[in-house]
Amino acid sequence: MKELQTSINVVVVARFEQALAEAMQLDADLDADPDSDRWSEENMPFLGVPLSVKEAFAVKGLMFK
Protein backbone atom coordinates (compact mmCIF):
# COMPACT_ATOMS: atom_id res chain seq x y z
CA MET A 1 0.00 0.00 0.00
CA LYS A 2 2.79 2.41 0.89
CA GLU A 3 4.54 1.79 -2.44
CA LEU A 4 1.37 2.47 -4.44
CA GLN A 5 0.22 5.49 -2.43
CA THR A 6 2.04 8.08 -4.55
CA SER A 7 0.79 6.71 -7.85
CA ILE A 8 -2.81 5.68 -7.15
CA ASN A 9 -3.63 7.45 -3.86
CA VAL A 10 -4.93 4.36 -2.05
CA VAL A 11 -5.27 5.89 1.43
CA VAL A 12 -6.76 9.17 2.63
CA VAL A 13 -4.68 9.44 5.80
CA ALA A 14 -1.27 7.80 5.52
CA ARG A 15 -0.04 6.97 9.01
CA PHE A 16 2.53 4.30 8.21
CA GLU A 17 5.18 5.59 10.62
CA GLN A 18 2.71 6.02 13.48
CA ALA A 19 1.34 2.50 12.96
CA LEU A 20 4.85 1.07 13.03
CA ALA A 21 5.67 2.99 16.23
CA GLU A 22 2.46 1.73 17.84
CA ALA A 23 3.28 -1.86 16.85
CA MET A 24 6.78 -1.55 18.31
CA GLN A 25 5.34 -0.19 21.57
CA LEU A 26 2.85 -3.03 21.71
CA ASP A 27 5.67 -5.55 21.19
CA ALA A 28 7.52 -3.99 24.12
CA ASP A 29 4.38 -4.13 26.29
CA LEU A 30 3.84 -7.77 25.38
CA ASP A 31 7.46 -8.63 26.16
CA ALA A 32 7.21 -6.90 29.54
CA ASP A 33 4.06 -8.80 30.62
CA PRO A 34 3.34 -11.70 28.23
CA ASP A 35 1.02 -13.56 30.60
CA SER A 36 -1.33 -10.67 31.26
CA ASP A 37 -5.03 -11.26 30.61
CA ARG A 38 -4.94 -7.94 28.78
CA TRP A 39 -3.44 -9.72 25.76
CA SER A 40 -5.88 -12.65 25.73
CA GLU A 41 -7.71 -13.60 22.57
CA GLU A 42 -10.96 -12.81 24.36
CA ASN A 43 -9.87 -9.26 25.22
CA MET A 44 -8.00 -8.47 21.98
CA PRO A 45 -9.12 -10.93 19.29
CA PHE A 46 -7.50 -9.01 16.42
CA LEU A 47 -4.23 -8.11 18.13
CA GLY A 48 -1.51 -7.97 15.48
CA VAL A 49 -3.84 -8.13 12.48
CA PRO A 50 -3.06 -5.29 10.04
CA LEU A 51 -6.03 -3.40 8.65
CA SER A 52 -7.13 -0.31 6.83
CA VAL A 53 -10.30 1.64 7.57
CA LYS A 54 -12.44 3.24 4.90
CA GLU A 55 -12.86 6.99 5.39
CA ALA A 56 -16.62 6.49 5.81
CA PHE A 57 -15.94 5.21 9.34
CA ALA A 58 -14.97 7.42 12.28
CA VAL A 59 -11.57 6.67 13.80
CA LYS A 60 -10.71 8.13 17.19
CA GLY A 61 -7.99 10.76 16.80
CA LEU A 62 -8.23 11.12 13.00
CA MET A 63 -9.96 13.82 11.01
CA PHE A 64 -10.69 13.19 7.34
CA LYS A 65 -10.96 16.12 4.95
C-alpha atoms as a PDB file:
ATOM      1  CA  MET A   1       0.000   0.000   0.000  1.00  0.00           C
ATOM      2  CA  LYS A   2       2.787   2.410   0.890  1.00  0.00           C
ATOM      3  CA  GLU A   3       4.541   1.795  -2.440  1.00  0.00           C
ATOM      4  CA  LEU A   4       1.367   2.472  -4.436  1.00  0.00           C
ATOM      5  CA  GLN A   5       0.225   5.493  -2.434  1.00  0.00           C
ATOM      6  CA  THR A   6       2.036   8.080  -4.548  1.00  0.00           C
ATOM      7  CA  SER A   7       0.789   6.709  -7.851  1.00  0.00           C
ATOM      8  CA  ILE A   8      -2.810   5.681  -7.154  1.00  0.00           C
ATOM      9  CA  ASN A   9      -3.627   7.452  -3.861  1.00  0.00           C
ATOM     10  CA  VAL A  10      -4.929   4.359  -2.053  1.00  0.00           C
ATOM     11  CA  VAL A  11      -5.270   5.888   1.430  1.00  0.00           C
ATOM     12  CA  VAL A  12      -6.763   9.173   2.633  1.00  0.00           C
ATOM     13  CA  VAL A  13      -4.682   9.445   5.800  1.00  0.00           C
ATOM     14  CA  ALA A  14      -1.269   7.802   5.517  1.00  0.00           C
ATOM     15  CA  ARG A  15      -0.035   6.969   9.012  1.00  0.00           C
ATOM     16  CA  PHE A  16       2.526   4.295   8.215  1.00  0.00           C
ATOM     17  CA  GLU A  17       5.184   5.592  10.623  1.00  0.00           C
ATOM     18  CA  GLN A  18       2.707   6.020  13.485  1.00  0.00           C
ATOM     19  CA  ALA A  19       1.339   2.504  12.964  1.00  0.00           C
ATOM     20  CA  LEU A  20       4.853   1.066  13.031  1.00  0.00           C
ATOM     21  CA  ALA A  21       5.670   2.986  16.227  1.00  0.00           C
ATOM     22  CA  GLU A  22       2.456   1.730  17.842  1.00  0.00           C
ATOM     23  CA  ALA A  23       3.283  -1.860  16.849  1.00  0.00           C
ATOM     24  CA  MET A  24       6.777  -1.550  18.310  1.00  0.00           C
ATOM     25  CA  GLN A  25       5.341  -0.188  21.570  1.00  0.00           C
ATOM     26  CA  LEU A  26       2.848  -3.032  21.707  1.00  0.00           C
ATOM     27  CA  ASP A  27       5.667  -5.552  21.191  1.00  0.00           C
ATOM     28  CA  ALA A  28       7.524  -3.993  24.116  1.00  0.00           C
ATOM     29  CA  ASP A  29       4.384  -4.129  26.287  1.00  0.00           C
ATOM     30  CA  LEU A  30       3.837  -7.771  25.381  1.00  0.00           C
ATOM     31  CA  ASP A  31       7.458  -8.633  26.161  1.00  0.00           C
ATOM     32  CA  ALA A  32       7.207  -6.897  29.541  1.00  0.00           C
ATOM     33  CA  ASP A  33       4.064  -8.801  30.622  1.00  0.00           C
ATOM     34  CA  PRO A  34       3.342 -11.701  28.235  1.00  0.00           C
ATOM     35  CA  ASP A  35       1.020 -13.563  30.602  1.00  0.00           C
ATOM     36  CA  SER A  36      -1.334 -10.665  31.261  1.00  0.00           C
ATOM     37  CA  ASP A  37      -5.032 -11.255  30.613  1.00  0.00           C
ATOM     38  CA  ARG A  38      -4.937  -7.941  28.783  1.00  0.00           C
ATOM     39  CA  TRP A  39      -3.437  -9.725  25.761  1.00  0.00           C
ATOM     40  CA  SER A  40      -5.876 -12.650  25.727  1.00  0.00           C
ATOM     41  CA  GLU A  41      -7.709 -13.602  22.567  1.00  0.00           C
ATOM     42  CA  GLU A  42     -10.960 -12.814  24.364  1.00  0.00           C
ATOM     43  CA  ASN A  43      -9.872  -9.257  25.217  1.00  0.00           C
ATOM     44  CA  MET A  44      -8.000  -8.472  21.984  1.00  0.00           C
ATOM     45  CA  PRO A  45      -9.123 -10.932  19.295  1.00  0.00           C
ATOM     46  CA  PHE A  46      -7.500  -9.011  16.424  1.00  0.00           C
ATOM     47  CA  LEU A  47      -4.233  -8.107  18.133  1.00  0.00           C
ATOM     48  CA  GLY A  48      -1.513  -7.965  15.482  1.00  0.00           C
ATOM     49  CA  VAL A  49      -3.835  -8.125  12.476  1.00  0.00           C
ATOM     50  CA  PRO A  50      -3.065  -5.288  10.044  1.00  0.00           C
ATOM     51  CA  LEU A  51      -6.028  -3.395   8.653  1.00  0.00           C
ATOM     52  CA  SER A  52      -7.128  -0.312   6.827  1.00  0.00           C
ATOM     53  CA  VAL A  53     -10.302   1.642   7.565  1.00  0.00           C
ATOM     54  CA  LYS A  54     -12.440   3.238   4.896  1.00  0.00           C
ATOM     55  CA  GLU A  55     -12.860   6.993   5.393  1.00  0.00           C
ATOM     56  CA  ALA A  56     -16.622   6.491   5.806  1.00  0.00           C
ATOM     57  CA  PHE A  57     -15.935   5.209   9.345  1.00  0.00           C
ATOM     58  CA  ALA A  58     -14.967   7.419  12.278  1.00  0.00           C
ATOM     59  CA  VAL A  59     -11.565   6.672  13.802  1.00  0.00           C
ATOM     60  CA  LYS A  60     -10.708   8.131  17.190  1.00  0.00           C
ATOM     61  CA  GLY A  61      -7.993  10.762  16.803  1.00  0.00           C
ATOM     62  CA  LEU A  62      -8.228  11.118  13.002  1.00  0.00           C
ATOM     63  CA  MET A  63      -9.955  13.823  11.014  1.00  0.00           C
ATOM     64  CA  PHE A  64     -10.692  13.190   7.344  1.00  0.00           C
ATOM     65  CA  LYS A  65     -10.959  16.119   4.950  1.00  0.00           C
END
